[in-house]
């Protein structure tokens, strides 16, 4: 019997709290006013400039050693990319031979193509170490146990000279 009286008092208390809270919530909603919106001053307005959409940006041909003509692939090929080994450009310390790079750029320019260039210091297992001989190397072992010399990227000689 006591348990039943306790539960009834608890339920009555919850109902009183809900009724009081509901009345407060109703008054808060009734008293709420929408904030007024004022027009922005001219200096507050920043207009976004939207560039025209790029419908077909085209493609730079990766390792474009054959100099594909854009006219053979109209609307697709727009530029060329090529990678050159550092050791073939700086053939001895402080001496640079840019003739291969210059020739390639001239051939691409003759086709009206912009270029993207890379100067590699390591070309993976197929190309190996592409750094000049005076750059320190370390030897790493691949998955199959084969040794490969790679440039010591954290050496001061590498970091100072590959810029």
C-alpha atoms as a PDB file:
ATOM      1  CA  UNK A   1       0.000   0.000   0.000  1.00  0.00           C
ATOM      2  CA  UNK A   2       2.780   2.403   0.867  1.00  0.00           C
ATOM      3  CA  UNK A   3       4.429   1.676  -2.450  1.00  0.00           C
ATOM      4  CA  UNK A   4       1.236   2.523  -4.304  1.00  0.00           C
ATOM      5  CA  UNK A   5       0.880   5.862  -2.469  1.00  0.00           C
ATOM      6  CA  UNK A   6       4.536   6.694  -3.206  1.00  0.00           C
ATOM      7  CA  UNK A   7       4.119   5.998  -6.891  1.00  0.00           C
ATOM      8  CA  UNK A   8       0.962   8.118  -7.023  1.00  0.00           C
ATOM      9  CA  UNK A   9       2.742  11.040  -5.359  1.00  0.00           C
ATOM     10  CA  UNK A  10       5.645  10.690  -7.768  1.00  0.00           C
ATOM     11  CA  UNK A  11       3.329  10.688 -10.802  1.00  0.00           C
ATOM     12  CA  UNK A  12       1.423  13.707  -9.426  1.00  0.00           C
ATOM     13  CA  UNK A  13       4.692  15.600  -8.919  1.00  0.00           C
ATOM     14  CA  UNK A  14       5.839  14.852 -12.462  1.00  0.00           C
ATOM     15  CA  UNK A  15       2.503  16.034 -13.864  1.00  0.00           C
ATOM     16  CA  UNK A  16       2.716  19.305 -11.897  1.00  0.00           C
ATOM     17  CA  UNK A  17       6.255  19.910 -13.174  1.00  0.00           C
ATOM     18  CA  UNK A  18       5.223  19.191 -16.756  1.00  0.00           C
ATOM     19  CA  UNK A  19       2.252  21.548 -16.498  1.00  0.00           C
ATOM     20  CA  UNK A  20       4.383  24.350 -15.050  1.00  0.00           C
ATOM     21  CA  UNK A  21       7.080  23.819 -17.670  1.00  0.00           C
ATOM     22  CA  UNK A  22       4.542  23.778 -20.472  1.00  0.00           C
ATOM     23  CA  UNK A  23       3.059  27.056 -19.274  1.00  0.00           C
ATOM     24  CA  UNK A  24       6.509  28.632 -19.196  1.00  0.00           C
ATOM     25  CA  UNK A  25       7.300  27.295 -22.673  1.00  0.00           C
ATOM     26  CA  UNK A  26       4.014  28.635 -24.045  1.00  0.00           C
ATOM     27  CA  UNK A  27       4.710  32.080 -22.594  1.00  0.00           C
ATOM     28  CA  UNK A  28       8.246  32.036 -24.049  1.00  0.00           C
ATOM     29  CA  UNK A  29       6.919  31.175 -27.496  1.00  0.00           C
ATOM     30  CA  UNK A  30       4.203  33.840 -27.263  1.00  0.00           C
ATOM     31  CA  UNK A  31       6.718  36.517 -26.183  1.00  0.00           C
ATOM     32  CA  UNK A  32       9.263  35.620 -28.880  1.00  0.00           C
ATOM     33  CA  UNK A  33       9.656  38.154 -31.640  1.00  0.00           C
ATOM     34  CA  UNK A  34      11.490  37.672 -34.891  1.00  0.00           C
ATOM     35  CA  UNK A  35      14.637  39.787 -34.958  1.00  0.00           C
ATOM     36  CA  UNK A  36      14.468  42.555 -37.481  1.00  0.00           C
ATOM     37  CA  UNK A  37      16.729  42.292 -40.467  1.00  0.00           C
ATOM     38  CA  UNK A  38      18.413  45.482 -41.538  1.00  0.00           C
ATOM     39  CA  UNK A  39      19.804  45.944 -45.015  1.00  0.00           C
ATOM     40  CA  UNK A  40      23.565  45.664 -45.269  1.00  0.00           C
ATOM     41  CA  UNK A  41      25.562  48.798 -45.690  1.00  0.00           C
ATOM     42  CA  UNK A  42      27.357  49.014 -49.035  1.00  0.00           C
ATOM     43  CA  UNK A  43      30.789  48.411 -47.488  1.00  0.00           C
ATOM     44  CA  UNK A  44      29.553  45.188 -45.852  1.00  0.00           C
ATOM     45  CA  UNK A  45      28.668  43.527 -49.152  1.00  0.00           C
ATOM     46  CA  UNK A  46      31.330  41.443 -50.851  1.00  0.00           C
ATOM     47  CA  UNK A  47      30.352  40.098 -54.219  1.00  0.00           C
ATOM     48  CA  UNK A  48      31.739  36.725 -55.182  1.00  0.00           C
ATOM     49  CA  UNK A  49      33.497  36.488 -58.490  1.00  0.00           C
ATOM     50  CA  UNK A  50      32.768  33.186 -60.125  1.00  0.00           C
ATOM     51  CA  UNK A  51      35.212  32.124 -62.804  1.00  0.00           C
ATOM     52  CA  UNK A  52      33.730  30.697 -65.953  1.00  0.00           C
ATOM     53  CA  UNK A  53      33.311  26.932 -65.758  1.00  0.00           C
ATOM     54  CA  UNK A  54      36.033  24.802 -67.270  1.00  0.00           C
ATOM     55  CA  UNK A  55      34.257  22.462 -69.581  1.00  0.00           C
ATOM     56  CA  UNK A  56      37.328  20.677 -70.926  1.00  0.00           C
ATOM     57  CA  UNK A  57      40.667  21.655 -69.388  1.00  0.00           C
ATOM     58  CA  UNK A  58      42.566  19.186 -71.553  1.00  0.00           C
ATOM     59  CA  UNK A  59      45.395  16.831 -70.715  1.00  0.00           C
ATOM     60  CA  UNK A  60      49.144  17.178 -70.383  1.00  0.00           C
ATOM     61  CA  UNK A  61      50.670  14.039 -71.886  1.00  0.00           C
ATOM     62  CA  UNK A  62      52.787  12.304 -69.226  1.00  0.00           C
ATOM     63  CA  UNK A  63      56.388  11.688 -70.338  1.00  0.00           C
ATOM     64  CA  UNK A  64      55.612  13.203 -73.725  1.00  0.00           C
ATOM     65  CA  UNK A  65      58.831  12.129 -75.447  1.00  0.00           C
ATOM     66  CA  UNK A  66      57.044  11.517 -78.761  1.00  0.00           C
ATOM     67  CA  UNK A  67      55.612  15.077 -78.842  1.00  0.00           C
ATOM     68  CA  UNK A  68      51.977  14.235 -79.514  1.00  0.00           C
ATOM     69  CA  UNK A  69      50.334  16.877 -81.678  1.00  0.00           C
ATOM     70  CA  UNK A  70      47.242  18.527 -80.180  1.00  0.00           C
ATOM     71  CA  UNK A  71      45.706  18.489 -83.669  1.00  0.00           C
ATOM     72  CA  UNK A  72      45.720  14.671 -83.546  1.00  0.00           C
ATOM     73  CA  UNK A  73      43.623  14.789 -80.349  1.00  0.00           C
ATOM     74  CA  UNK A  74      41.597  18.016 -80.650  1.00  0.00           C
ATOM     75  CA  UNK A  75      40.117  19.232 -77.408  1.00  0.00           C
ATOM     76  CA  UNK A  76      42.024  16.619 -75.421  1.00  0.00           C
ATOM     77  CA  UNK A  77      45.805  17.103 -75.563  1.00  0.00           C
ATOM     78  CA  UNK A  78      46.840  20.617 -74.565  1.00  0.00           C
ATOM     79  CA  UNK A  79      50.311  20.229 -73.030  1.00  0.00           C
ATOM     80  CA  UNK A  80      53.237  17.954 -72.430  1.00  0.00           C
ATOM     81  CA  UNK A  81      55.116  16.706 -69.383  1.00  0.00           C
ATOM     82  CA  UNK A  82      58.575  15.243 -69.138  1.00  0.00           C
ATOM     83  CA  UNK A  83      60.981  14.194 -66.395  1.00  0.00           C
ATOM     84  CA  UNK A  84      64.737  14.649 -66.515  1.00  0.00           C
ATOM     85  CA  UNK A  85      67.417  13.080 -64.345  1.00  0.00           C
ATOM     86  CA  UNK A  86      69.376  15.461 -62.150  1.00  0.00           C
ATOM     87  CA  UNK A  87      72.652  13.675 -62.978  1.00  0.00           C
ATOM     88  CA  UNK A  88      72.094  14.328 -66.713  1.00  0.00           C
ATOM     89  CA  UNK A  89      71.550  18.049 -66.081  1.00  0.00           C
ATOM     90  CA  UNK A  90      74.310  18.704 -63.523  1.00  0.00           C
ATOM     91  CA  UNK A  91      76.939  16.528 -65.178  1.00  0.00           C
ATOM     92  CA  UNK A  92      79.685  17.651 -62.791  1.00  0.00           C
ATOM     93  CA  UNK A  93      79.559  19.717 -59.629  1.00  0.00           C
ATOM     94  CA  UNK A  94      78.312  23.193 -60.524  1.00  0.00           C
ATOM     95  CA  UNK A  95      78.205  22.545 -64.297  1.00  0.00           C
ATOM     96  CA  UNK A  96      74.726  22.398 -65.805  1.00  0.00           C
ATOM     97  CA  UNK A  97      73.835  21.099 -69.242  1.00  0.00           C
ATOM     98  CA  UNK A  98      70.259  22.143 -69.997  1.00  0.00           C
ATOM     99  CA  UNK A  99      70.429  21.185 -73.687  1.00  0.00           C
ATOM    100  CA  UNK A 100      68.133  18.125 -73.370  1.00  0.00           C
ATOM    101  CA  UNK A 101      65.567  20.125 -71.423  1.00  0.00           C
ATOM    102  CA  UNK A 102      65.799  23.113 -73.784  1.00  0.00           C
ATOM    103  CA  UNK A 103      65.438  20.916 -76.869  1.00  0.00           C
ATOM    104  CA  UNK A 104      62.383  19.170 -75.452  1.00  0.00           C
ATOM    105  CA  UNK A 105      60.749  22.492 -74.486  1.00  0.00           C
ATOM    106  CA  UNK A 106      61.437  23.934 -77.955  1.00  0.00           C
ATOM    107  CA  UNK A 107      59.813  20.910 -79.605  1.00  0.00           C
ATOM    108  CA  UNK A 108      56.724  21.206 -77.406  1.00  0.00           C
ATOM    109  CA  UNK A 109      56.542  24.975 -77.974  1.00  0.00           C
ATOM    110  CA  UNK A 110      56.656  24.402 -81.738  1.00  0.00           C
ATOM    111  CA  UNK A 111      53.409  22.467 -81.301  1.00  0.00           C
ATOM    112  CA  UNK A 112      51.906  25.297 -79.241  1.00  0.00           C
ATOM    113  CA  UNK A 113      51.917  23.238 -76.062  1.00  0.00           C
ATOM    114  CA  UNK A 114      52.690  24.480 -72.552  1.00  0.00           C
ATOM    115  CA  UNK A 115      54.963  22.170 -70.571  1.00  0.00           C
ATOM    116  CA  UNK A 116      55.257  20.610 -67.143  1.00  0.00           C
ATOM    117  CA  UNK A 117      58.733  19.590 -65.971  1.00  0.00           C
ATOM    118  CA  UNK A 118      60.123  17.266 -63.328  1.00  0.00           C
ATOM    119  CA  UNK A 119      63.718  16.804 -62.257  1.00  0.00           C
ATOM    120  CA  UNK A 120      64.079  13.401 -60.656  1.00  0.00           C
ATOM    121  CA  UNK A 121      66.662  12.311 -58.129  1.00  0.00           C
ATOM    122  CA  UNK A 122      65.494   8.699 -57.991  1.00  0.00           C
ATOM    123  CA  UNK A 123      63.458   6.774 -60.548  1.00  0.00           C
ATOM    124  CA  UNK A 124      62.624   3.587 -58.745  1.00  0.00           C
ATOM    125  CA  UNK A 125      63.930   0.160 -59.617  1.00  0.00           C
ATOM    126  CA  UNK A 126      63.650   0.794 -63.365  1.00  0.00           C
ATOM    127  CA  UNK A 127      65.725   3.991 -63.409  1.00  0.00           C
ATOM    128  CA  UNK A 128      67.608   3.838 -60.147  1.00  0.00           C
ATOM    129  CA  UNK A 129      69.568   6.665 -58.612  1.00  0.00           C
ATOM    130  CA  UNK A 130      69.238   9.776 -60.776  1.00  0.00           C
ATOM    131  CA  UNK A 131      71.398  12.025 -58.575  1.00  0.00           C
ATOM    132  CA  UNK A 132      74.921  13.150 -59.490  1.00  0.00           C
ATOM    133  CA  UNK A 133      77.726  10.880 -58.286  1.00  0.00           C
ATOM    134  CA  UNK A 134      78.883  13.384 -55.653  1.00  0.00           C
ATOM    135  CA  UNK A 135      75.553  13.178 -53.776  1.00  0.00           C
ATOM    136  CA  UNK A 136      75.782  10.664 -50.898  1.00  0.00           C
ATOM    137  CA  UNK A 137      73.678   7.534 -51.248  1.00  0.00           C
ATOM    138  CA  UNK A 138      72.418   4.837 -48.947  1.00  0.00           C
ATOM    139  CA  UNK A 139      71.652   1.249 -49.869  1.00  0.00           C
ATOM    140  CA  UNK A 140      68.184  -0.133 -49.300  1.00  0.00           C
ATOM    141  CA  UNK A 141      67.011  -3.688 -49.802  1.00  0.00           C
ATOM    142  CA  UNK A 142      63.763  -4.360 -51.605  1.00  0.00           C
ATOM    143  CA  UNK A 143      61.170  -7.009 -50.817  1.00  0.00           C
ATOM    144  CA  UNK A 144      63.125  -9.642 -52.768  1.00  0.00           C
ATOM    145  CA  UNK A 145      66.448  -8.871 -51.055  1.00  0.00           C
ATOM    146  CA  UNK A 146      67.947  -6.875 -53.939  1.00  0.00           C
ATOM    147  CA  UNK A 147      70.066  -3.857 -52.927  1.00  0.00           C
ATOM    148  CA  UNK A 148      69.303  -0.419 -54.414  1.00  0.00           C
ATOM    149  CA  UNK A 149      71.266   2.802 -53.941  1.00  0.00           C
ATOM    150  CA  UNK A 150      69.086   5.831 -53.338  1.00  0.00           C
ATOM    151  CA  UNK A 151      70.048   9.434 -52.627  1.00  0.00           C
ATOM    152  CA  UNK A 152      70.575  10.248 -48.974  1.00  0.00           C
ATOM    153  CA  UNK A 153      67.734  12.780 -48.890  1.00  0.00           C
ATOM    154  CA  UNK A 154      68.596  14.080 -45.426  1.00  0.00           C
ATOM    155  CA  UNK A 155      72.278  14.747 -46.181  1.00  0.00           C
ATOM    156  CA  UNK A 156      73.303  18.405 -46.257  1.00  0.00           C
ATOM    157  CA  UNK A 157      74.805  17.930 -49.743  1.00  0.00           C
ATOM    158  CA  UNK A 158      71.464  16.772 -51.125  1.00  0.00           C
ATOM    159  CA  UNK A 159      69.396  19.408 -49.350  1.00  0.00           C
ATOM    160  CA  UNK A 160      71.747  22.251 -50.258  1.00  0.00           C
ATOM    161  CA  UNK A 161      72.222  21.354 -53.910  1.00  0.00           C
ATOM    162  CA  UNK A 162      68.824  20.056 -55.026  1.00  0.00           C
ATOM    163  CA  UNK A 163      66.925  23.309 -55.225  1.00  0.00           C
END
